[in-house]
N, C-alpha and C. Protein backbone atom coordinates (compact mmCIF):
# COMPACT_ATOMS: atom_id res chain seq x y z
N MET A 1 0.84 -1.18 0.00
CA MET A 1 0.00 0.00 0.00
C MET A 1 0.88 1.25 0.00
N VAL A 2 0.41 2.24 -0.70
CA VAL A 2 1.10 3.52 -0.81
C VAL A 2 0.15 4.57 -0.29
N LYS A 3 0.68 5.58 0.42
CA LYS A 3 -0.16 6.69 0.86
C LYS A 3 0.08 7.88 -0.05
N THR A 4 -1.00 8.53 -0.43
CA THR A 4 -0.90 9.73 -1.24
C THR A 4 -0.55 10.92 -0.36
N LYS A 5 -0.32 12.08 -0.97
CA LYS A 5 0.04 13.29 -0.22
C LYS A 5 -1.03 13.68 0.79
N ASN A 6 -2.29 13.39 0.49
CA ASN A 6 -3.36 13.75 1.43
C ASN A 6 -3.69 12.62 2.40
N GLY A 7 -2.88 11.56 2.41
CA GLY A 7 -3.03 10.49 3.38
C GLY A 7 -3.91 9.33 2.96
N ASN A 8 -4.49 9.38 1.78
CA ASN A 8 -5.32 8.27 1.30
C ASN A 8 -4.45 7.06 0.98
N VAL A 9 -5.00 5.89 1.21
CA VAL A 9 -4.29 4.65 0.89
C VAL A 9 -4.53 4.33 -0.58
N MET A 10 -3.46 3.89 -1.24
CA MET A 10 -3.57 3.56 -2.66
C MET A 10 -2.87 2.22 -2.89
N LYS A 11 -3.56 1.32 -3.52
CA LYS A 11 -2.99 0.03 -3.92
C LYS A 11 -2.69 0.15 -5.41
N GLU A 12 -1.43 -0.04 -5.77
CA GLU A 12 -1.04 0.12 -7.16
C GLU A 12 -0.70 -1.20 -7.82
N LYS A 13 -1.10 -1.33 -9.05
CA LYS A 13 -0.63 -2.38 -9.95
C LYS A 13 0.54 -1.75 -10.69
N VAL A 14 1.63 -2.52 -10.87
CA VAL A 14 2.86 -1.98 -11.45
C VAL A 14 3.31 -2.87 -12.61
N TRP A 15 3.74 -2.22 -13.70
CA TRP A 15 4.36 -2.91 -14.83
C TRP A 15 5.68 -2.21 -15.10
N ILE A 16 6.75 -2.98 -15.17
CA ILE A 16 8.07 -2.40 -15.44
C ILE A 16 8.60 -3.00 -16.74
N PHE A 17 8.98 -2.12 -17.66
CA PHE A 17 9.52 -2.53 -18.95
C PHE A 17 10.95 -2.00 -19.08
N ILE A 18 11.85 -2.88 -19.51
CA ILE A 18 13.26 -2.54 -19.67
C ILE A 18 13.49 -2.07 -21.10
N ILE A 19 14.07 -0.89 -21.24
CA ILE A 19 14.42 -0.36 -22.56
C ILE A 19 15.79 -0.93 -22.91
N GLU A 20 15.79 -1.95 -23.77
CA GLU A 20 17.02 -2.70 -24.04
C GLU A 20 18.08 -1.86 -24.75
N LYS A 21 17.68 -1.09 -25.73
CA LYS A 21 18.63 -0.28 -26.49
C LYS A 21 18.69 1.12 -25.89
N ALA A 22 19.90 1.65 -25.72
CA ALA A 22 20.03 3.03 -25.26
C ALA A 22 19.45 3.96 -26.32
N LEU A 23 18.52 4.80 -25.91
CA LEU A 23 17.88 5.72 -26.85
C LEU A 23 18.50 7.11 -26.71
N THR A 24 18.39 7.89 -27.76
CA THR A 24 18.89 9.26 -27.73
C THR A 24 17.98 10.10 -26.84
N PRO A 25 18.46 11.26 -26.38
CA PRO A 25 17.58 12.13 -25.58
C PRO A 25 16.28 12.49 -26.30
N LEU A 26 16.35 12.75 -27.59
CA LEU A 26 15.14 13.06 -28.36
C LEU A 26 14.19 11.86 -28.38
N GLU A 27 14.73 10.66 -28.62
CA GLU A 27 13.89 9.46 -28.61
C GLU A 27 13.25 9.24 -27.24
N LEU A 28 14.03 9.45 -26.17
CA LEU A 28 13.49 9.28 -24.82
C LEU A 28 12.37 10.27 -24.55
N ASN A 29 12.56 11.52 -24.96
CA ASN A 29 11.50 12.53 -24.78
C ASN A 29 10.24 12.15 -25.54
N ASN A 30 10.41 11.71 -26.77
CA ASN A 30 9.25 11.31 -27.58
C ASN A 30 8.56 10.07 -27.01
N LEU A 31 9.35 9.09 -26.59
CA LEU A 31 8.81 7.88 -25.99
C LEU A 31 8.01 8.22 -24.74
N TYR A 32 8.58 9.04 -23.88
CA TYR A 32 7.90 9.42 -22.64
C TYR A 32 6.61 10.19 -22.93
N ALA A 33 6.65 11.09 -23.90
CA ALA A 33 5.44 11.84 -24.26
C ALA A 33 4.34 10.90 -24.76
N GLU A 34 4.72 9.91 -25.56
CA GLU A 34 3.73 8.93 -26.04
C GLU A 34 3.14 8.15 -24.87
N CYS A 35 3.98 7.78 -23.92
CA CYS A 35 3.50 7.03 -22.75
C CYS A 35 2.56 7.89 -21.90
N GLN A 36 2.88 9.16 -21.74
CA GLN A 36 2.00 10.05 -20.99
C GLN A 36 0.64 10.19 -21.69
N ARG A 37 0.66 10.29 -23.01
CA ARG A 37 -0.61 10.36 -23.75
C ARG A 37 -1.42 9.08 -23.55
N PHE A 38 -0.72 7.93 -23.61
CA PHE A 38 -1.41 6.65 -23.43
C PHE A 38 -2.11 6.61 -22.07
N VAL A 39 -1.37 6.90 -20.98
CA VAL A 39 -1.98 6.77 -19.65
C VAL A 39 -3.09 7.81 -19.45
N SER A 40 -3.00 8.95 -20.11
CA SER A 40 -4.05 9.96 -19.94
C SER A 40 -5.36 9.55 -20.62
N HIS A 41 -5.29 8.60 -21.55
CA HIS A 41 -6.50 8.13 -22.25
C HIS A 41 -6.84 6.66 -21.95
N TRP A 42 -6.08 6.02 -21.09
CA TRP A 42 -6.24 4.60 -20.78
C TRP A 42 -7.55 4.38 -20.04
N LYS A 43 -8.28 3.36 -20.45
CA LYS A 43 -9.56 3.04 -19.82
C LYS A 43 -9.64 1.55 -19.50
N SER A 44 -10.43 1.25 -18.49
CA SER A 44 -10.76 -0.13 -18.14
C SER A 44 -12.26 -0.17 -17.89
N HIS A 45 -12.94 -1.05 -18.60
CA HIS A 45 -14.40 -1.15 -18.50
C HIS A 45 -15.06 0.22 -18.75
N GLU A 46 -14.56 0.92 -19.77
CA GLU A 46 -15.08 2.22 -20.20
C GLU A 46 -14.91 3.33 -19.16
N MET A 47 -14.14 3.06 -18.12
CA MET A 47 -13.88 4.07 -17.09
C MET A 47 -12.40 4.46 -17.15
N PRO A 48 -12.09 5.73 -16.87
CA PRO A 48 -10.68 6.15 -16.88
C PRO A 48 -9.86 5.36 -15.86
N VAL A 49 -8.64 5.10 -16.23
CA VAL A 49 -7.69 4.45 -15.34
C VAL A 49 -6.86 5.55 -14.69
N GLN A 50 -6.74 5.51 -13.37
CA GLN A 50 -5.89 6.49 -12.68
C GLN A 50 -4.47 5.95 -12.71
N ALA A 51 -3.74 6.34 -13.75
CA ALA A 51 -2.44 5.74 -14.01
C ALA A 51 -1.37 6.81 -14.15
N SER A 52 -0.13 6.36 -14.04
CA SER A 52 1.02 7.24 -14.27
C SER A 52 2.11 6.42 -14.94
N VAL A 53 3.06 7.14 -15.51
CA VAL A 53 4.22 6.49 -16.11
C VAL A 53 5.45 7.25 -15.67
N GLU A 54 6.53 6.52 -15.46
CA GLU A 54 7.81 7.11 -15.08
C GLU A 54 8.89 6.56 -15.99
N LEU A 55 9.75 7.42 -16.47
CA LEU A 55 10.95 7.00 -17.19
C LEU A 55 12.07 7.06 -16.17
N TYR A 56 12.50 5.87 -15.71
CA TYR A 56 13.46 5.78 -14.61
C TYR A 56 14.87 5.58 -15.17
N LYS A 57 15.72 6.55 -14.92
CA LYS A 57 17.13 6.51 -15.33
C LYS A 57 17.32 6.12 -16.79
N ASN A 58 16.39 6.55 -17.62
CA ASN A 58 16.46 6.36 -19.08
C ASN A 58 16.44 4.90 -19.55
N ARG A 59 16.23 3.94 -18.65
CA ARG A 59 16.24 2.53 -19.05
C ARG A 59 15.01 1.75 -18.63
N LEU A 60 14.19 2.30 -17.75
CA LEU A 60 13.00 1.58 -17.29
C LEU A 60 11.76 2.45 -17.49
N LEU A 61 10.74 1.83 -18.06
CA LEU A 61 9.43 2.46 -18.14
C LEU A 61 8.57 1.81 -17.07
N ILE A 62 8.07 2.62 -16.14
CA ILE A 62 7.28 2.09 -15.03
C ILE A 62 5.87 2.66 -15.12
N PHE A 63 4.92 1.78 -15.37
CA PHE A 63 3.51 2.16 -15.41
C PHE A 63 2.87 1.74 -14.09
N ARG A 64 2.03 2.62 -13.55
CA ARG A 64 1.32 2.33 -12.30
C ARG A 64 -0.16 2.66 -12.47
N ASN A 65 -0.99 1.86 -11.81
CA ASN A 65 -2.43 2.11 -11.80
C ASN A 65 -2.93 2.02 -10.36
N ASN A 66 -3.73 3.00 -9.97
CA ASN A 66 -4.36 2.99 -8.66
C ASN A 66 -5.54 2.02 -8.70
N GLU A 67 -5.34 0.86 -8.11
CA GLU A 67 -6.35 -0.21 -8.15
C GLU A 67 -7.59 0.11 -7.30
N ILE A 68 -7.46 0.99 -6.33
CA ILE A 68 -8.62 1.35 -5.51
C ILE A 68 -9.57 2.23 -6.32
N PHE A 69 -9.01 3.12 -7.14
CA PHE A 69 -9.82 4.02 -7.97
C PHE A 69 -10.56 3.23 -9.04
N ASN A 70 -9.84 2.41 -9.79
CA ASN A 70 -10.46 1.61 -10.85
C ASN A 70 -9.57 0.41 -11.14
N PRO A 71 -9.92 -0.77 -10.62
CA PRO A 71 -9.11 -1.96 -10.90
C PRO A 71 -9.02 -2.21 -12.41
N ILE A 72 -7.88 -2.65 -12.83
CA ILE A 72 -7.61 -2.83 -14.26
C ILE A 72 -8.17 -4.17 -14.71
N GLY A 73 -8.82 -4.19 -15.84
CA GLY A 73 -9.32 -5.44 -16.41
C GLY A 73 -8.36 -6.02 -17.43
N GLY A 74 -8.66 -7.20 -17.88
CA GLY A 74 -7.80 -7.90 -18.85
C GLY A 74 -7.65 -7.15 -20.16
N CYS A 75 -8.72 -6.56 -20.64
CA CYS A 75 -8.63 -5.81 -21.91
C CYS A 75 -7.73 -4.60 -21.77
N ALA A 76 -7.81 -3.91 -20.63
CA ALA A 76 -6.95 -2.74 -20.40
C ALA A 76 -5.49 -3.15 -20.32
N THR A 77 -5.22 -4.29 -19.69
CA THR A 77 -3.85 -4.80 -19.64
C THR A 77 -3.38 -5.16 -21.04
N ASP A 78 -4.24 -5.81 -21.81
CA ASP A 78 -3.90 -6.12 -23.21
C ASP A 78 -3.59 -4.85 -24.00
N ASN A 79 -4.36 -3.79 -23.76
CA ASN A 79 -4.11 -2.52 -24.44
C ASN A 79 -2.73 -1.97 -24.10
N LEU A 80 -2.34 -2.09 -22.83
CA LEU A 80 -1.00 -1.64 -22.43
C LEU A 80 0.07 -2.42 -23.19
N PHE A 81 -0.08 -3.74 -23.24
CA PHE A 81 0.94 -4.55 -23.90
C PHE A 81 0.96 -4.33 -25.41
N ARG A 82 -0.18 -4.09 -26.01
CA ARG A 82 -0.19 -3.73 -27.44
C ARG A 82 0.52 -2.40 -27.66
N PHE A 83 0.27 -1.46 -26.79
CA PHE A 83 0.93 -0.16 -26.87
C PHE A 83 2.45 -0.33 -26.75
N VAL A 84 2.89 -1.13 -25.79
CA VAL A 84 4.32 -1.36 -25.59
C VAL A 84 4.93 -2.05 -26.81
N GLN A 85 4.21 -3.01 -27.38
CA GLN A 85 4.71 -3.67 -28.60
C GLN A 85 4.83 -2.68 -29.76
N ASP A 86 3.91 -1.75 -29.86
CA ASP A 86 4.01 -0.69 -30.88
C ASP A 86 5.24 0.17 -30.63
N LEU A 87 5.52 0.48 -29.37
CA LEU A 87 6.72 1.26 -29.04
C LEU A 87 7.99 0.50 -29.44
N GLU A 88 7.98 -0.81 -29.20
CA GLU A 88 9.15 -1.62 -29.58
C GLU A 88 9.45 -1.48 -31.07
N LYS A 89 8.40 -1.56 -31.87
CA LYS A 89 8.58 -1.43 -33.33
C LYS A 89 9.05 -0.03 -33.70
N LYS A 90 8.41 0.96 -33.14
CA LYS A 90 8.71 2.34 -33.49
C LYS A 90 10.14 2.73 -33.12
N TYR A 91 10.62 2.27 -31.95
CA TYR A 91 11.94 2.66 -31.47
C TYR A 91 13.00 1.58 -31.67
N ASN A 92 12.61 0.52 -32.36
CA ASN A 92 13.54 -0.56 -32.69
C ASN A 92 14.32 -1.06 -31.47
N THR A 93 13.57 -1.38 -30.43
CA THR A 93 14.17 -1.89 -29.20
C THR A 93 13.19 -2.86 -28.55
N SER A 94 13.71 -3.70 -27.69
CA SER A 94 12.86 -4.60 -26.91
C SER A 94 12.50 -3.93 -25.59
N LEU A 95 11.27 -4.10 -25.18
CA LEU A 95 10.81 -3.63 -23.88
C LEU A 95 10.29 -4.78 -23.01
N ILE A 96 10.20 -5.96 -23.60
CA ILE A 96 9.58 -7.09 -22.90
C ILE A 96 10.55 -8.28 -22.79
N ASN A 97 11.83 -8.05 -22.86
CA ASN A 97 12.82 -9.12 -22.76
C ASN A 97 13.03 -9.46 -21.28
N ARG A 98 12.40 -10.52 -20.82
CA ARG A 98 12.47 -10.90 -19.40
C ARG A 98 13.76 -11.62 -19.03
N ARG A 99 14.64 -11.86 -19.99
CA ARG A 99 15.94 -12.46 -19.67
C ARG A 99 16.95 -11.42 -19.18
N LEU A 100 16.59 -10.14 -19.30
CA LEU A 100 17.52 -9.09 -18.92
C LEU A 100 17.52 -8.85 -17.42
N VAL A 101 18.71 -8.65 -16.89
CA VAL A 101 18.91 -8.27 -15.49
C VAL A 101 19.38 -6.82 -15.51
N VAL A 102 18.82 -6.02 -14.63
CA VAL A 102 19.19 -4.61 -14.55
C VAL A 102 19.97 -4.39 -13.25
N TYR A 103 21.15 -3.77 -13.39
CA TYR A 103 21.95 -3.45 -12.22
C TYR A 103 22.53 -2.05 -12.39
N GLU A 104 23.01 -1.49 -11.28
CA GLU A 104 23.53 -0.13 -11.30
C GLU A 104 25.04 -0.15 -11.15
N LYS A 105 25.69 0.59 -12.02
CA LYS A 105 27.16 0.72 -11.99
C LYS A 105 27.48 2.18 -12.29
N ASP A 106 28.26 2.82 -11.43
CA ASP A 106 28.64 4.22 -11.63
C ASP A 106 27.41 5.11 -11.84
N ASN A 107 26.38 4.88 -11.03
CA ASN A 107 25.14 5.67 -11.05
C ASN A 107 24.39 5.58 -12.38
N GLU A 108 24.60 4.52 -13.11
CA GLU A 108 23.95 4.30 -14.40
C GLU A 108 23.38 2.89 -14.42
N LEU A 109 22.24 2.72 -15.07
CA LEU A 109 21.67 1.38 -15.18
C LEU A 109 22.35 0.62 -16.31
N LYS A 110 22.73 -0.61 -16.01
CA LYS A 110 23.35 -1.51 -16.98
C LYS A 110 22.43 -2.71 -17.14
N LEU A 111 22.49 -3.31 -18.32
CA LEU A 111 21.68 -4.48 -18.61
C LEU A 111 22.58 -5.65 -18.95
N ALA A 112 22.17 -6.83 -18.52
CA ALA A 112 22.91 -8.05 -18.86
C ALA A 112 21.92 -9.18 -19.04
N ASP A 113 22.24 -10.07 -19.96
CA ASP A 113 21.44 -11.27 -20.12
C ASP A 113 21.63 -12.12 -18.87
N PHE A 114 20.54 -12.71 -18.40
CA PHE A 114 20.59 -13.53 -17.19
C PHE A 114 21.70 -14.57 -17.24
N ARG A 115 21.96 -15.11 -18.43
CA ARG A 115 22.98 -16.15 -18.57
C ARG A 115 24.40 -15.63 -18.38
N GLN A 116 24.58 -14.31 -18.35
CA GLN A 116 25.90 -13.71 -18.15
C GLN A 116 26.23 -13.45 -16.69
N ILE A 117 25.29 -13.65 -15.81
CA ILE A 117 25.46 -13.24 -14.41
C ILE A 117 26.65 -13.94 -13.75
N ASP A 118 26.81 -15.24 -13.96
CA ASP A 118 27.96 -15.95 -13.37
C ASP A 118 29.26 -15.25 -13.72
N THR A 119 29.43 -14.92 -14.99
CA THR A 119 30.66 -14.27 -15.45
C THR A 119 30.80 -12.88 -14.82
N LEU A 120 29.72 -12.12 -14.76
CA LEU A 120 29.78 -10.77 -14.20
C LEU A 120 30.12 -10.79 -12.71
N VAL A 121 29.64 -11.79 -11.99
CA VAL A 121 29.97 -11.92 -10.57
C VAL A 121 31.43 -12.34 -10.42
N LYS A 122 31.85 -13.32 -11.21
CA LYS A 122 33.24 -13.80 -11.11
C LYS A 122 34.26 -12.74 -11.46
N ASN A 123 33.96 -11.89 -12.45
CA ASN A 123 34.95 -10.87 -12.84
C ASN A 123 34.80 -9.56 -12.05
N GLY A 124 33.90 -9.53 -11.08
CA GLY A 124 33.77 -8.37 -10.19
C GLY A 124 32.91 -7.24 -10.72
N GLU A 125 32.31 -7.40 -11.88
CA GLU A 125 31.40 -6.37 -12.40
C GLU A 125 30.19 -6.22 -11.47
N ILE A 126 29.71 -7.35 -10.95
CA ILE A 126 28.64 -7.36 -9.95
C ILE A 126 29.24 -7.86 -8.64
N THR A 127 29.15 -7.02 -7.60
CA THR A 127 29.67 -7.37 -6.27
C THR A 127 28.49 -7.46 -5.30
N ASP A 128 28.77 -7.82 -4.07
CA ASP A 128 27.71 -7.91 -3.06
C ASP A 128 26.94 -6.60 -2.90
N ASP A 129 27.60 -5.47 -3.13
CA ASP A 129 26.96 -4.17 -2.93
C ASP A 129 26.36 -3.56 -4.19
N THR A 130 26.50 -4.23 -5.33
CA THR A 130 25.91 -3.73 -6.57
C THR A 130 24.39 -3.74 -6.44
N ILE A 131 23.76 -2.63 -6.81
CA ILE A 131 22.30 -2.54 -6.75
C ILE A 131 21.70 -3.32 -7.91
N ILE A 132 20.79 -4.24 -7.57
CA ILE A 132 20.07 -5.06 -8.55
C ILE A 132 18.61 -4.63 -8.52
N TYR A 133 18.01 -4.50 -9.70
CA TYR A 133 16.61 -4.07 -9.82
C TYR A 133 15.73 -5.29 -10.09
N ASN A 134 14.61 -5.33 -9.39
CA ASN A 134 13.63 -6.40 -9.57
C ASN A 134 12.52 -5.86 -10.47
N THR A 135 12.61 -6.18 -11.75
CA THR A 135 11.62 -5.67 -12.70
C THR A 135 10.39 -6.57 -12.79
N ALA A 136 10.31 -7.58 -11.92
CA ALA A 136 9.17 -8.50 -11.93
C ALA A 136 8.12 -8.13 -10.88
N ILE A 137 8.35 -7.08 -10.10
CA ILE A 137 7.33 -6.72 -9.12
C ILE A 137 6.05 -6.33 -9.84
N ILE A 138 4.92 -6.60 -9.21
CA ILE A 138 3.64 -6.36 -9.89
C ILE A 138 2.70 -5.44 -9.12
N ASN A 139 3.06 -5.08 -7.88
CA ASN A 139 2.18 -4.16 -7.15
C ASN A 139 2.96 -3.37 -6.10
N SER A 140 2.30 -2.38 -5.53
CA SER A 140 2.96 -1.48 -4.58
C SER A 140 3.40 -2.20 -3.31
N ASP A 141 2.77 -3.31 -2.96
CA ASP A 141 3.18 -4.07 -1.78
C ASP A 141 4.59 -4.64 -1.94
N GLU A 142 5.01 -4.85 -3.17
CA GLU A 142 6.34 -5.41 -3.44
C GLU A 142 7.39 -4.34 -3.72
N TRP A 143 7.01 -3.07 -3.65
CA TRP A 143 7.91 -1.99 -4.05
C TRP A 143 9.22 -1.98 -3.27
N ALA A 144 9.23 -2.43 -2.03
CA ALA A 144 10.46 -2.48 -1.23
C ALA A 144 11.50 -3.41 -1.86
N GLU A 145 11.06 -4.30 -2.75
CA GLU A 145 11.96 -5.24 -3.41
C GLU A 145 12.49 -4.70 -4.74
N PHE A 146 12.13 -3.48 -5.13
CA PHE A 146 12.50 -2.94 -6.43
C PHE A 146 14.01 -2.85 -6.61
N LYS A 147 14.72 -2.33 -5.64
CA LYS A 147 16.18 -2.27 -5.76
C LYS A 147 16.83 -2.62 -4.43
N LYS A 148 17.80 -3.54 -4.56
CA LYS A 148 18.50 -4.03 -3.38
C LYS A 148 19.93 -4.36 -3.75
N PRO A 149 20.83 -4.34 -2.76
CA PRO A 149 22.19 -4.82 -3.04
C PRO A 149 22.14 -6.28 -3.47
N TYR A 150 23.05 -6.65 -4.34
CA TYR A 150 23.10 -8.02 -4.85
C TYR A 150 23.00 -9.04 -3.72
N LYS A 151 23.74 -8.82 -2.63
CA LYS A 151 23.76 -9.80 -1.53
C LYS A 151 22.38 -10.05 -0.92
N ASP A 152 21.46 -9.08 -1.06
CA ASP A 152 20.11 -9.21 -0.50
C ASP A 152 19.03 -9.34 -1.57
N SER A 153 19.43 -9.48 -2.80
CA SER A 153 18.48 -9.41 -3.92
C SER A 153 17.92 -10.77 -4.32
N TRP A 154 16.89 -10.71 -5.14
CA TRP A 154 16.31 -11.91 -5.73
C TRP A 154 17.35 -12.66 -6.55
N LEU A 155 18.26 -11.94 -7.18
CA LEU A 155 19.27 -12.56 -8.05
C LEU A 155 20.25 -13.40 -7.23
N ARG A 156 20.63 -12.92 -6.08
CA ARG A 156 21.57 -13.66 -5.22
C ARG A 156 20.91 -14.94 -4.72
N ILE A 157 19.63 -14.87 -4.47
CA ILE A 157 18.91 -16.04 -3.96
C ILE A 157 18.96 -17.18 -4.98
N ILE A 158 18.83 -16.85 -6.26
CA ILE A 158 18.83 -17.91 -7.27
C ILE A 158 20.20 -18.19 -7.87
N HIS A 159 21.16 -17.29 -7.63
CA HIS A 159 22.51 -17.48 -8.17
C HIS A 159 23.36 -18.20 -7.12
N GLN A 160 23.97 -19.26 -7.52
CA GLN A 160 24.83 -20.01 -6.61
C GLN A 160 26.27 -19.91 -7.08
N ASP A 161 27.17 -19.53 -6.16
CA ASP A 161 28.60 -19.44 -6.50
C ASP A 161 29.17 -20.82 -6.73
């Protein structure tokens, strides 16, 4: 649960998409503007969706919906994914590649294929203190798991030295 500025409780549904290819500043501005237009017109069961979008460190698109205001239906979710697939084509990048791991290095988000993690840990690119992002969270209750040091992250749990 998340509290708004006026103290109301808000339960959010969250979708996180990884921008695989580094985009130019102009492309990022255009992409973000398109996403803002989408959320401003997004509907579920013919009712407006109280949604927002964030472009996080130029590599993550984070969509949120206030589930207390209007729970999202399957068709509205399908519309989001169709929109994201259209963005993939337009910007020639993947946004739905779930094999990607996102980590922070020198205050910048880096991407690696999940199969490269052993090598990145062994060569010191990823250390116990490297921030790992959990792009699989689906609601505001899981938000505390969004970014954690490798030693405490979901990735460390499944990665065995």
